[in-house]
Each structure stands twice: as structure tokens, then as C-alpha cells.
Amino acid sequence: MTTDRRSILKGLASAGLVMATMPWAQAKPSSGTPGRAVHGDGPPHVTALVSGSALDAAFMAGVQQAIDAPSGQGLSAQPLQGLDAATFARLNRLLNDDNATLLVGLIDDASAAVVIDLVRSAGGRMLSVQHHRVGQDAGATQWARLLGQALAATQAAPDAPNHTAGTAYVSLSCMI
């Protein structure tokens, strides 16, 4: 993605997010820690970001498999439907809700640029960000499942099958 296109997309998403979240900005009480209060009372909740690709189901299955351990973690999915303001308003609520959350995702590169900026602005800590070009074959599905497992378990991501004509994805893991 070119720098100009990325800047335009980020500007559009940010403008929509500002307009969609204005009433919440005044209603949010201030906590002792700006942006995030991390509680030490157990494992974080896991939220998975997906963007409507053919690999979403496999990625979500891997995340679910990783958190089925008796650790008591919960899982929720946050589908990113393009650069829709309502979608990013929901993400903004998640970023500012004062609950420790592990955010993992396999998303398109345009959405990733906006998500990464929002996470950093909210005081989140990026654990992993990787760019991939992946095909839509059975090997890609297996990789997406393994990727979901690794990111949810905060382990190193497996190497992606590299297809020069494949779809561009960004995998990410962050603590918010």
C-alpha cells in the first residue's frame, strides 16, 4: 500500500471515529492510569480481529483452541467491516474499557494501519506485528489456524507460506 493511500485511509477512519465517539469522550470517567488500568486478577480476555477473509474461520478456530485451556480466558471476535466508523467506534470502546485484553488479529493491511495507530494512541503495547502474503489453499488455512493458536498463547508466529500473488495480511498481537 502506498503512503498516500494509507494516509488517506487513516484520515477517513480517524474522522469517522471522532464523529462516532464524541458523546463517549465526555462520559468516560478518568482512571488513575491514562488509557488503561491493568488488573492483576487473572488472565486477560482475548479479542480476535478478523476482516472478512477466507482465512477468518481457521484463524478463529486456532485462537479458540489456544484459550480452551483451564485458564478461564474468554474470547470475543471483532469483525472489521472495511473502514466503517461504527466498527472502529466499537474497537475504540474496547481500547478504553479499563479491562486487560489480549488483542490478536489477522486483518488486511489498510485496517491494520488504523488498528495499530488506535492501539498505540490508547496506550496499548504491541507484542507482534508481521506482514504476510498468503494464498487461499489448504496450506494457508492450516497456517492461519496455527497463527491463531500462537498469537493467543503469546508465542512466536509460524512462518507464512509465501505466495507472491497471494493476498496481503497483517497479523498482530497486543496487550491493551
N, C-alpha and C. Protein backbone atom coordinates (compact mmCIF):
# COMPACT_ATOMS: atom_id res chain seq x y z
N MET A 1 0.85 -1.16 0.00
CA MET A 1 0.00 0.00 0.00
C MET A 1 0.90 1.23 0.00
N THR A 2 0.57 2.19 -0.82
CA THR A 2 1.37 3.39 -0.89
C THR A 2 1.13 4.25 0.34
N THR A 3 2.09 5.13 0.62
CA THR A 3 2.00 6.01 1.78
C THR A 3 0.82 6.97 1.65
N ASP A 4 0.58 7.48 0.44
CA ASP A 4 -0.54 8.41 0.23
C ASP A 4 -1.88 7.73 0.49
N ARG A 5 -2.05 6.51 -0.02
CA ARG A 5 -3.32 5.79 0.18
C ARG A 5 -3.51 5.48 1.67
N ARG A 6 -2.47 5.05 2.32
CA ARG A 6 -2.55 4.74 3.75
C ARG A 6 -2.93 5.98 4.55
N SER A 7 -2.33 7.12 4.23
CA SER A 7 -2.65 8.37 4.94
C SER A 7 -4.10 8.77 4.74
N ILE A 8 -4.60 8.62 3.53
CA ILE A 8 -6.00 8.96 3.25
C ILE A 8 -6.93 8.04 4.03
N LEU A 9 -6.65 6.72 4.01
CA LEU A 9 -7.49 5.77 4.72
C LEU A 9 -7.47 6.03 6.22
N LYS A 10 -6.30 6.31 6.78
CA LYS A 10 -6.20 6.59 8.20
C LYS A 10 -6.96 7.87 8.56
N GLY A 11 -6.86 8.87 7.70
CA GLY A 11 -7.58 10.11 7.94
C GLY A 11 -9.09 9.92 7.91
N LEU A 12 -9.58 9.17 6.93
CA LEU A 12 -11.01 8.90 6.83
C LEU A 12 -11.51 8.12 8.04
N ALA A 13 -10.78 7.09 8.42
CA ALA A 13 -11.20 6.29 9.57
C ALA A 13 -11.14 7.10 10.86
N SER A 14 -10.11 7.91 11.01
CA SER A 14 -9.99 8.73 12.21
C SER A 14 -11.11 9.76 12.29
N ALA A 15 -11.44 10.39 11.17
CA ALA A 15 -12.51 11.37 11.15
C ALA A 15 -13.84 10.72 11.49
N GLY A 16 -14.10 9.55 10.95
CA GLY A 16 -15.33 8.83 11.27
C GLY A 16 -15.36 8.40 12.71
N LEU A 17 -14.21 7.99 13.25
CA LEU A 17 -14.13 7.57 14.64
C LEU A 17 -14.39 8.73 15.58
N VAL A 18 -13.83 9.89 15.26
CA VAL A 18 -14.04 11.06 16.11
C VAL A 18 -15.52 11.42 16.13
N MET A 19 -16.15 11.43 14.98
CA MET A 19 -17.57 11.79 14.91
C MET A 19 -18.43 10.75 15.63
N ALA A 20 -18.08 9.48 15.51
CA ALA A 20 -18.89 8.42 16.11
C ALA A 20 -18.71 8.33 17.62
N THR A 21 -17.58 8.80 18.14
CA THR A 21 -17.29 8.63 19.56
C THR A 21 -17.39 9.91 20.37
N MET A 22 -17.79 11.00 19.80
CA MET A 22 -17.85 12.26 20.54
C MET A 22 -18.67 12.18 21.81
N PRO A 23 -19.87 11.60 21.84
CA PRO A 23 -20.63 11.56 23.09
C PRO A 23 -19.93 10.77 24.19
N TRP A 24 -19.12 9.76 23.82
CA TRP A 24 -18.44 8.93 24.81
C TRP A 24 -17.27 9.65 25.44
N ALA A 25 -16.68 10.57 24.73
CA ALA A 25 -15.48 11.25 25.24
C ALA A 25 -15.78 12.00 26.53
N GLN A 26 -16.97 12.56 26.67
CA GLN A 26 -17.31 13.30 27.88
C GLN A 26 -17.84 12.39 28.97
N ALA A 27 -18.39 11.23 28.63
CA ALA A 27 -19.00 10.35 29.62
C ALA A 27 -17.99 9.45 30.31
N LYS A 28 -16.81 9.27 29.76
CA LYS A 28 -15.82 8.34 30.31
C LYS A 28 -15.16 8.92 31.54
N PRO A 29 -15.29 8.24 32.72
CA PRO A 29 -14.61 8.74 33.90
C PRO A 29 -13.12 8.50 33.81
N SER A 30 -12.37 9.33 34.44
CA SER A 30 -10.92 9.22 34.41
C SER A 30 -10.46 8.16 35.40
N SER A 31 -9.55 7.29 34.97
CA SER A 31 -8.97 6.30 35.88
C SER A 31 -7.61 6.81 36.33
N GLY A 32 -7.02 6.10 37.28
CA GLY A 32 -5.72 6.53 37.81
C GLY A 32 -4.62 6.45 36.77
N THR A 33 -4.74 5.52 35.82
CA THR A 33 -3.73 5.35 34.77
C THR A 33 -4.33 5.80 33.46
N PRO A 34 -3.67 6.70 32.74
CA PRO A 34 -4.25 7.18 31.49
C PRO A 34 -4.43 6.05 30.49
N GLY A 35 -5.63 5.93 29.96
CA GLY A 35 -5.89 4.98 28.88
C GLY A 35 -6.16 3.57 29.33
N ARG A 36 -5.49 3.06 30.34
CA ARG A 36 -5.61 1.64 30.63
C ARG A 36 -5.28 1.35 32.08
N ALA A 37 -6.12 0.64 32.75
CA ALA A 37 -5.82 0.14 34.08
C ALA A 37 -5.75 -1.37 33.98
N VAL A 38 -4.59 -1.95 34.13
CA VAL A 38 -4.41 -3.39 34.02
C VAL A 38 -4.59 -4.00 35.40
N HIS A 39 -5.52 -4.93 35.49
CA HIS A 39 -5.81 -5.57 36.76
C HIS A 39 -5.03 -6.87 36.85
N GLY A 40 -4.48 -7.15 37.99
CA GLY A 40 -3.71 -8.36 38.19
C GLY A 40 -4.55 -9.51 38.69
N ASP A 41 -5.84 -9.54 38.38
CA ASP A 41 -6.73 -10.55 38.94
C ASP A 41 -7.06 -11.66 37.95
N GLY A 42 -6.10 -12.12 37.20
CA GLY A 42 -6.32 -13.25 36.31
C GLY A 42 -5.86 -12.96 34.90
N PRO A 43 -6.04 -13.97 34.02
CA PRO A 43 -5.58 -13.82 32.65
C PRO A 43 -6.45 -12.82 31.89
N PRO A 44 -5.89 -12.20 30.88
CA PRO A 44 -6.67 -11.21 30.12
C PRO A 44 -7.71 -11.89 29.24
N HIS A 45 -8.73 -11.14 28.92
CA HIS A 45 -9.72 -11.55 27.94
C HIS A 45 -9.04 -11.51 26.57
N VAL A 46 -9.43 -12.37 25.65
CA VAL A 46 -8.85 -12.39 24.31
C VAL A 46 -9.91 -11.92 23.32
N THR A 47 -9.54 -10.94 22.51
CA THR A 47 -10.40 -10.47 21.42
C THR A 47 -9.65 -10.68 20.12
N ALA A 48 -10.32 -11.31 19.17
CA ALA A 48 -9.73 -11.59 17.86
C ALA A 48 -10.30 -10.64 16.82
N LEU A 49 -9.42 -10.03 16.05
CA LEU A 49 -9.83 -9.16 14.95
C LEU A 49 -9.71 -9.93 13.64
N VAL A 50 -10.76 -9.89 12.85
CA VAL A 50 -10.76 -10.52 11.53
C VAL A 50 -11.38 -9.52 10.55
N SER A 51 -11.09 -9.71 9.26
CA SER A 51 -11.58 -8.72 8.30
C SER A 51 -12.34 -9.32 7.12
N GLY A 52 -12.99 -10.44 7.33
CA GLY A 52 -13.85 -10.99 6.28
C GLY A 52 -13.13 -11.78 5.21
N SER A 53 -12.00 -12.37 5.54
CA SER A 53 -11.27 -13.14 4.53
C SER A 53 -11.62 -14.62 4.62
N ALA A 54 -11.15 -15.37 3.66
CA ALA A 54 -11.38 -16.82 3.65
C ALA A 54 -10.66 -17.52 4.79
N LEU A 55 -9.68 -16.87 5.40
CA LEU A 55 -8.90 -17.49 6.47
C LEU A 55 -9.45 -17.18 7.86
N ASP A 56 -10.52 -16.39 7.96
CA ASP A 56 -11.06 -16.00 9.26
C ASP A 56 -11.46 -17.19 10.13
N ALA A 57 -12.18 -18.15 9.55
CA ALA A 57 -12.67 -19.29 10.34
C ALA A 57 -11.51 -20.10 10.89
N ALA A 58 -10.49 -20.33 10.08
CA ALA A 58 -9.34 -21.10 10.55
C ALA A 58 -8.59 -20.34 11.63
N PHE A 59 -8.42 -19.03 11.46
CA PHE A 59 -7.74 -18.22 12.47
C PHE A 59 -8.51 -18.26 13.79
N MET A 60 -9.82 -18.06 13.73
CA MET A 60 -10.65 -18.08 14.94
C MET A 60 -10.62 -19.46 15.60
N ALA A 61 -10.59 -20.54 14.82
CA ALA A 61 -10.51 -21.88 15.39
C ALA A 61 -9.19 -22.06 16.15
N GLY A 62 -8.12 -21.53 15.61
CA GLY A 62 -6.82 -21.61 16.30
C GLY A 62 -6.81 -20.82 17.59
N VAL A 63 -7.39 -19.63 17.58
CA VAL A 63 -7.46 -18.81 18.80
C VAL A 63 -8.29 -19.54 19.85
N GLN A 64 -9.44 -20.06 19.43
CA GLN A 64 -10.31 -20.79 20.37
C GLN A 64 -9.60 -22.00 20.96
N GLN A 65 -8.87 -22.72 20.13
CA GLN A 65 -8.13 -23.90 20.62
C GLN A 65 -7.07 -23.49 21.64
N ALA A 66 -6.42 -22.37 21.43
CA ALA A 66 -5.37 -21.92 22.35
C ALA A 66 -5.92 -21.51 23.71
N ILE A 67 -7.12 -20.97 23.77
CA ILE A 67 -7.63 -20.48 25.05
C ILE A 67 -8.56 -21.47 25.73
N ASP A 68 -8.75 -22.66 25.17
CA ASP A 68 -9.59 -23.67 25.81
C ASP A 68 -8.94 -24.29 27.03
N ALA A 69 -7.69 -23.93 27.31
CA ALA A 69 -7.02 -24.43 28.49
C ALA A 69 -7.79 -23.99 29.73
N PRO A 70 -7.58 -24.64 30.88
CA PRO A 70 -8.35 -24.29 32.07
C PRO A 70 -7.96 -22.95 32.69
N SER A 71 -7.44 -22.05 31.88
CA SER A 71 -7.03 -20.75 32.41
C SER A 71 -8.21 -19.81 32.62
N GLY A 72 -9.36 -20.14 32.05
CA GLY A 72 -10.55 -19.32 32.26
C GLY A 72 -10.63 -18.09 31.37
N GLN A 73 -9.79 -18.01 30.34
CA GLN A 73 -9.83 -16.86 29.45
C GLN A 73 -11.11 -16.90 28.63
N GLY A 74 -11.61 -15.72 28.28
CA GLY A 74 -12.75 -15.63 27.39
C GLY A 74 -12.30 -15.22 26.01
N LEU A 75 -13.17 -15.37 25.03
CA LEU A 75 -12.86 -14.99 23.66
C LEU A 75 -14.04 -14.24 23.07
N SER A 76 -13.74 -13.16 22.37
CA SER A 76 -14.76 -12.49 21.57
C SER A 76 -14.13 -12.14 20.23
N ALA A 77 -14.96 -12.01 19.22
CA ALA A 77 -14.49 -11.66 17.89
C ALA A 77 -14.94 -10.25 17.56
N GLN A 78 -14.09 -9.52 16.88
CA GLN A 78 -14.40 -8.16 16.45
C GLN A 78 -14.18 -8.12 14.94
N PRO A 79 -15.23 -8.35 14.14
CA PRO A 79 -15.04 -8.27 12.70
C PRO A 79 -14.89 -6.82 12.25
N LEU A 80 -13.91 -6.57 11.43
CA LEU A 80 -13.68 -5.23 10.88
C LEU A 80 -14.26 -5.22 9.47
N GLN A 81 -15.36 -4.54 9.29
CA GLN A 81 -16.04 -4.47 8.01
C GLN A 81 -15.56 -3.25 7.24
N GLY A 82 -14.42 -3.36 6.59
CA GLY A 82 -13.86 -2.23 5.88
C GLY A 82 -13.44 -1.15 6.86
N LEU A 83 -13.55 0.09 6.48
CA LEU A 83 -13.18 1.20 7.36
C LEU A 83 -14.43 1.92 7.85
N ASP A 84 -15.45 1.15 8.20
CA ASP A 84 -16.71 1.64 8.70
C ASP A 84 -16.52 2.31 10.06
N ALA A 85 -17.08 3.50 10.25
CA ALA A 85 -16.92 4.25 11.50
C ALA A 85 -17.49 3.50 12.70
N ALA A 86 -18.61 2.80 12.52
CA ALA A 86 -19.21 2.07 13.64
C ALA A 86 -18.30 0.94 14.11
N THR A 87 -17.64 0.29 13.19
CA THR A 87 -16.71 -0.78 13.54
C THR A 87 -15.57 -0.24 14.39
N PHE A 88 -15.00 0.86 13.97
CA PHE A 88 -13.88 1.42 14.72
C PHE A 88 -14.33 2.09 16.00
N ALA A 89 -15.59 2.51 16.09
CA ALA A 89 -16.13 3.02 17.35
C ALA A 89 -16.20 1.89 18.38
N ARG A 90 -16.62 0.68 17.94
CA ARG A 90 -16.63 -0.47 18.85
C ARG A 90 -15.22 -0.82 19.30
N LEU A 91 -14.27 -0.76 18.38
CA LEU A 91 -12.88 -1.02 18.74
C LEU A 91 -12.37 0.03 19.72
N ASN A 92 -12.75 1.28 19.53
CA ASN A 92 -12.34 2.34 20.44
C ASN A 92 -12.89 2.10 21.85
N ARG A 93 -14.14 1.64 21.95
CA ARG A 93 -14.71 1.29 23.27
C ARG A 93 -13.89 0.19 23.93
N LEU A 94 -13.52 -0.81 23.17
CA LEU A 94 -12.71 -1.91 23.69
C LEU A 94 -11.36 -1.41 24.18
N LEU A 95 -10.75 -0.51 23.42
CA LEU A 95 -9.43 0.01 23.79
C LEU A 95 -9.46 0.86 25.05
N ASN A 96 -10.59 1.41 25.38
CA ASN A 96 -10.69 2.32 26.52
C ASN A 96 -11.58 1.82 27.64
N ASP A 97 -11.77 0.50 27.77
CA ASP A 97 -12.70 0.00 28.78
C ASP A 97 -12.05 -0.42 30.10
N ASP A 98 -10.76 -0.19 30.29
CA ASP A 98 -10.05 -0.46 31.54
C ASP A 98 -9.96 -1.94 31.91
N ASN A 99 -10.23 -2.85 31.00
CA ASN A 99 -10.04 -4.28 31.24
C ASN A 99 -8.84 -4.76 30.44
N ALA A 100 -8.02 -5.57 31.06
CA ALA A 100 -6.86 -6.12 30.35
C ALA A 100 -7.36 -7.05 29.25
N THR A 101 -6.92 -6.80 28.03
CA THR A 101 -7.34 -7.59 26.88
C THR A 101 -6.16 -7.89 25.99
N LEU A 102 -6.05 -9.15 25.57
CA LEU A 102 -5.08 -9.53 24.56
C LEU A 102 -5.80 -9.44 23.23
N LEU A 103 -5.34 -8.57 22.36
CA LEU A 103 -5.94 -8.36 21.05
C LEU A 103 -5.07 -9.06 20.02
N VAL A 104 -5.64 -10.02 19.30
CA VAL A 104 -4.92 -10.74 18.26
C VAL A 104 -5.69 -10.58 16.96
N GLY A 105 -5.00 -10.57 15.85
CA GLY A 105 -5.73 -10.40 14.60
C GLY A 105 -4.99 -10.87 13.38
N LEU A 106 -5.77 -11.20 12.37
CA LEU A 106 -5.30 -11.47 11.02
C LEU A 106 -6.20 -10.63 10.13
N ILE A 107 -5.69 -9.46 9.72
CA ILE A 107 -6.52 -8.48 9.03
C ILE A 107 -5.82 -7.93 7.80
N ASP A 108 -6.57 -7.23 6.96
CA ASP A 108 -5.99 -6.62 5.76
C ASP A 108 -5.08 -5.46 6.17
N ASP A 109 -4.18 -5.07 5.30
CA ASP A 109 -3.16 -4.08 5.66
C ASP A 109 -3.72 -2.68 5.89
N ALA A 110 -4.80 -2.30 5.21
CA ALA A 110 -5.38 -0.97 5.44
C ALA A 110 -5.99 -0.88 6.84
N SER A 111 -6.75 -1.89 7.23
CA SER A 111 -7.33 -1.92 8.57
C SER A 111 -6.24 -1.99 9.63
N ALA A 112 -5.18 -2.73 9.34
CA ALA A 112 -4.09 -2.88 10.31
C ALA A 112 -3.43 -1.54 10.61
N ALA A 113 -3.26 -0.70 9.60
CA ALA A 113 -2.64 0.61 9.82
C ALA A 113 -3.46 1.43 10.81
N VAL A 114 -4.79 1.40 10.68
CA VAL A 114 -5.66 2.16 11.57
C VAL A 114 -5.67 1.52 12.96
N VAL A 115 -5.78 0.19 13.03
CA VAL A 115 -5.82 -0.51 14.32
C VAL A 115 -4.54 -0.25 15.11
N ILE A 116 -3.40 -0.34 14.47
CA ILE A 116 -2.13 -0.13 15.17
C ILE A 116 -2.05 1.28 15.72
N ASP A 117 -2.46 2.27 14.95
CA ASP A 117 -2.47 3.65 15.44
C ASP A 117 -3.41 3.82 16.63
N LEU A 118 -4.59 3.20 16.56
CA LEU A 118 -5.55 3.31 17.66
C LEU A 118 -5.02 2.63 18.93
N VAL A 119 -4.41 1.47 18.77
CA VAL A 119 -3.86 0.74 19.93
C VAL A 119 -2.76 1.56 20.59
N ARG A 120 -1.87 2.09 19.79
CA ARG A 120 -0.78 2.89 20.36
C ARG A 120 -1.30 4.16 21.01
N SER A 121 -2.30 4.79 20.41
CA SER A 121 -2.87 6.01 20.99
C SER A 121 -3.56 5.74 22.32
N ALA A 122 -4.11 4.53 22.49
CA ALA A 122 -4.80 4.16 23.72
C ALA A 122 -3.83 3.65 24.79
N GLY A 123 -2.54 3.62 24.48
CA GLY A 123 -1.55 3.17 25.46
C GLY A 123 -1.33 1.67 25.45
N GLY A 124 -1.78 0.99 24.40
CA GLY A 124 -1.57 -0.45 24.28
C GLY A 124 -0.13 -0.78 23.93
N ARG A 125 0.24 -2.01 24.19
CA ARG A 125 1.62 -2.46 23.93
C ARG A 125 1.59 -3.49 22.81
N MET A 126 2.27 -3.18 21.71
CA MET A 126 2.35 -4.10 20.58
C MET A 126 3.33 -5.23 20.92
N LEU A 127 2.85 -6.46 20.85
CA LEU A 127 3.70 -7.62 21.11
C LEU A 127 4.27 -8.18 19.82
N SER A 128 3.48 -8.12 18.74
CA SER A 128 3.90 -8.69 17.46
C SER A 128 3.12 -8.04 16.33
N VAL A 129 3.82 -7.67 15.27
CA VAL A 129 3.19 -7.20 14.04
C VAL A 129 4.00 -7.79 12.89
N GLN A 130 3.33 -8.55 12.02
CA GLN A 130 4.01 -9.17 10.88
C GLN A 130 3.17 -9.02 9.63
N HIS A 131 3.84 -8.81 8.51
CA HIS A 131 3.17 -8.68 7.22
C HIS A 131 3.34 -9.99 6.47
N HIS A 132 2.27 -10.44 5.81
CA HIS A 132 2.27 -11.72 5.11
C HIS A 132 1.62 -11.55 3.74
N ARG A 133 2.00 -12.40 2.80
CA ARG A 133 1.32 -12.51 1.51
C ARG A 133 1.00 -13.99 1.36
N VAL A 134 -0.29 -14.31 1.48
CA VAL A 134 -0.73 -15.69 1.61
C VAL A 134 -1.75 -16.04 0.55
N GLY A 135 -1.67 -17.25 0.02
CA GLY A 135 -2.66 -17.76 -0.93
C GLY A 135 -3.89 -18.25 -0.20
N GLN A 136 -4.78 -18.92 -0.91
CA GLN A 136 -6.03 -19.41 -0.32
C GLN A 136 -6.12 -20.93 -0.37
N ASP A 137 -5.00 -21.62 -0.32
CA ASP A 137 -5.00 -23.08 -0.41
C ASP A 137 -5.09 -23.71 0.99
N ALA A 138 -5.04 -25.03 1.03
CA ALA A 138 -5.15 -25.76 2.30
C ALA A 138 -3.97 -25.44 3.23
N GLY A 139 -2.80 -25.20 2.67
CA GLY A 139 -1.64 -24.83 3.49
C GLY A 139 -1.86 -23.49 4.18
N ALA A 140 -2.52 -22.57 3.51
CA ALA A 140 -2.81 -21.27 4.11
C ALA A 140 -3.82 -21.40 5.24
N THR A 141 -4.79 -22.27 5.07
CA THR A 141 -5.78 -22.50 6.12
C THR A 141 -5.13 -23.10 7.36
N GLN A 142 -4.25 -24.08 7.16
CA GLN A 142 -3.52 -24.68 8.28
C GLN A 142 -2.65 -23.63 8.97
N TRP A 143 -1.97 -22.80 8.18
CA TRP A 143 -1.13 -21.75 8.75
C TRP A 143 -1.96 -20.77 9.57
N ALA A 144 -3.13 -20.37 9.08
CA ALA A 144 -3.99 -19.42 9.80
C ALA A 144 -4.42 -19.99 11.15
N ARG A 145 -4.72 -21.29 11.19
CA ARG A 145 -5.09 -21.93 12.46
C ARG A 145 -3.92 -21.92 13.42
N LEU A 146 -2.73 -22.28 12.94
CA LEU A 146 -1.53 -22.28 13.78
C LEU A 146 -1.18 -20.86 14.24
N LEU A 147 -1.39 -19.88 13.37
CA LEU A 147 -1.15 -18.49 13.72
C LEU A 147 -2.07 -18.04 14.85
N GLY A 148 -3.35 -18.37 14.73
CA GLY A 148 -4.31 -18.03 15.79
C GLY A 148 -3.91 -18.65 17.12
N GLN A 149 -3.48 -19.90 17.10
CA GLN A 149 -3.02 -20.57 18.33
C GLN A 149 -1.82 -19.85 18.92
N ALA A 150 -0.84 -19.56 18.09
CA ALA A 150 0.40 -18.95 18.57
C ALA A 150 0.16 -17.55 19.14
N LEU A 151 -0.60 -16.73 18.43
CA LEU A 151 -0.84 -15.37 18.90
C LEU A 151 -1.64 -15.35 20.21
N ALA A 152 -2.65 -16.21 20.32
CA ALA A 152 -3.46 -16.25 21.54
C ALA A 152 -2.65 -16.78 22.73
N ALA A 153 -1.65 -17.60 22.45
CA ALA A 153 -0.79 -18.13 23.51
C ALA A 153 0.44 -17.26 23.72
N THR A 154 0.51 -16.12 23.05
CA THR A 154 1.63 -15.17 23.07
C THR A 154 2.96 -15.87 22.78
N GLN A 155 2.94 -16.71 21.75
CA GLN A 155 4.14 -17.40 21.28
C GLN A 155 4.53 -16.83 19.92
N ALA A 156 5.69 -17.24 19.44
CA ALA A 156 6.17 -16.78 18.14
C ALA A 156 5.25 -17.31 17.03
N ALA A 157 4.95 -16.46 16.09
CA ALA A 157 4.07 -16.82 14.98
C ALA A 157 4.80 -17.74 14.01
N PRO A 158 4.08 -18.73 13.44
CA PRO A 158 4.70 -19.61 12.46
C PRO A 158 4.97 -18.86 11.16
N ASP A 159 5.94 -19.32 10.40
CA ASP A 159 6.24 -18.71 9.11
C ASP A 159 5.07 -18.93 8.16
N ALA A 160 4.72 -17.89 7.44
CA ALA A 160 3.61 -17.96 6.49
C ALA A 160 4.07 -18.58 5.19
N PRO A 161 3.18 -19.34 4.53
CA PRO A 161 3.51 -19.79 3.18
C PRO A 161 3.54 -18.56 2.28
N ASN A 162 4.65 -18.29 1.63
CA ASN A 162 4.82 -17.06 0.87
C ASN A 162 4.36 -17.26 -0.58
N HIS A 163 3.29 -16.57 -0.94
CA HIS A 163 2.77 -16.59 -2.30
C HIS A 163 2.86 -15.17 -2.85
N THR A 164 3.68 -14.97 -3.88
CA THR A 164 3.86 -13.62 -4.41
C THR A 164 2.57 -13.04 -4.97
N ALA A 165 1.66 -13.89 -5.43
CA ALA A 165 0.39 -13.40 -5.97
C ALA A 165 -0.74 -13.53 -4.93
N GLY A 166 -0.39 -13.83 -3.70
CA GLY A 166 -1.40 -14.01 -2.66
C GLY A 166 -1.94 -12.71 -2.12
N THR A 167 -2.82 -12.82 -1.14
CA THR A 167 -3.46 -11.68 -0.51
C THR A 167 -2.58 -11.15 0.61
N ALA A 168 -2.51 -9.83 0.75
CA ALA A 168 -1.70 -9.21 1.80
C ALA A 168 -2.49 -9.20 3.11
N TYR A 169 -1.87 -9.70 4.17
CA TYR A 169 -2.43 -9.72 5.51
C TYR A 169 -1.42 -9.15 6.50
N VAL A 170 -1.93 -8.71 7.63
CA VAL A 170 -1.08 -8.33 8.75
C VAL A 170 -1.58 -9.12 9.96
N SER A 171 -0.66 -9.79 10.62
CA SER A 171 -1.02 -10.45 11.87
C SER A 171 -0.50 -9.56 12.99
N LEU A 172 -1.27 -9.47 14.07
CA LEU A 172 -0.85 -8.63 15.18
C LEU A 172 -1.28 -9.22 16.49
N SER A 173 -0.55 -8.86 17.51
CA SER A 173 -0.85 -9.25 18.87
C SER A 173 -0.47 -8.07 19.74
N CYS A 174 -1.36 -7.65 20.63
CA CYS A 174 -1.06 -6.54 21.50
C CYS A 174 -1.84 -6.67 22.81
N MET A 175 -1.30 -6.07 23.85
CA MET A 175 -1.94 -6.05 25.14
C MET A 175 -2.54 -4.66 25.34
N ILE A 176 -3.82 -4.62 25.58
CA ILE A 176 -4.48 -3.33 25.80
C ILE A 176 -5.15 -3.33 27.17
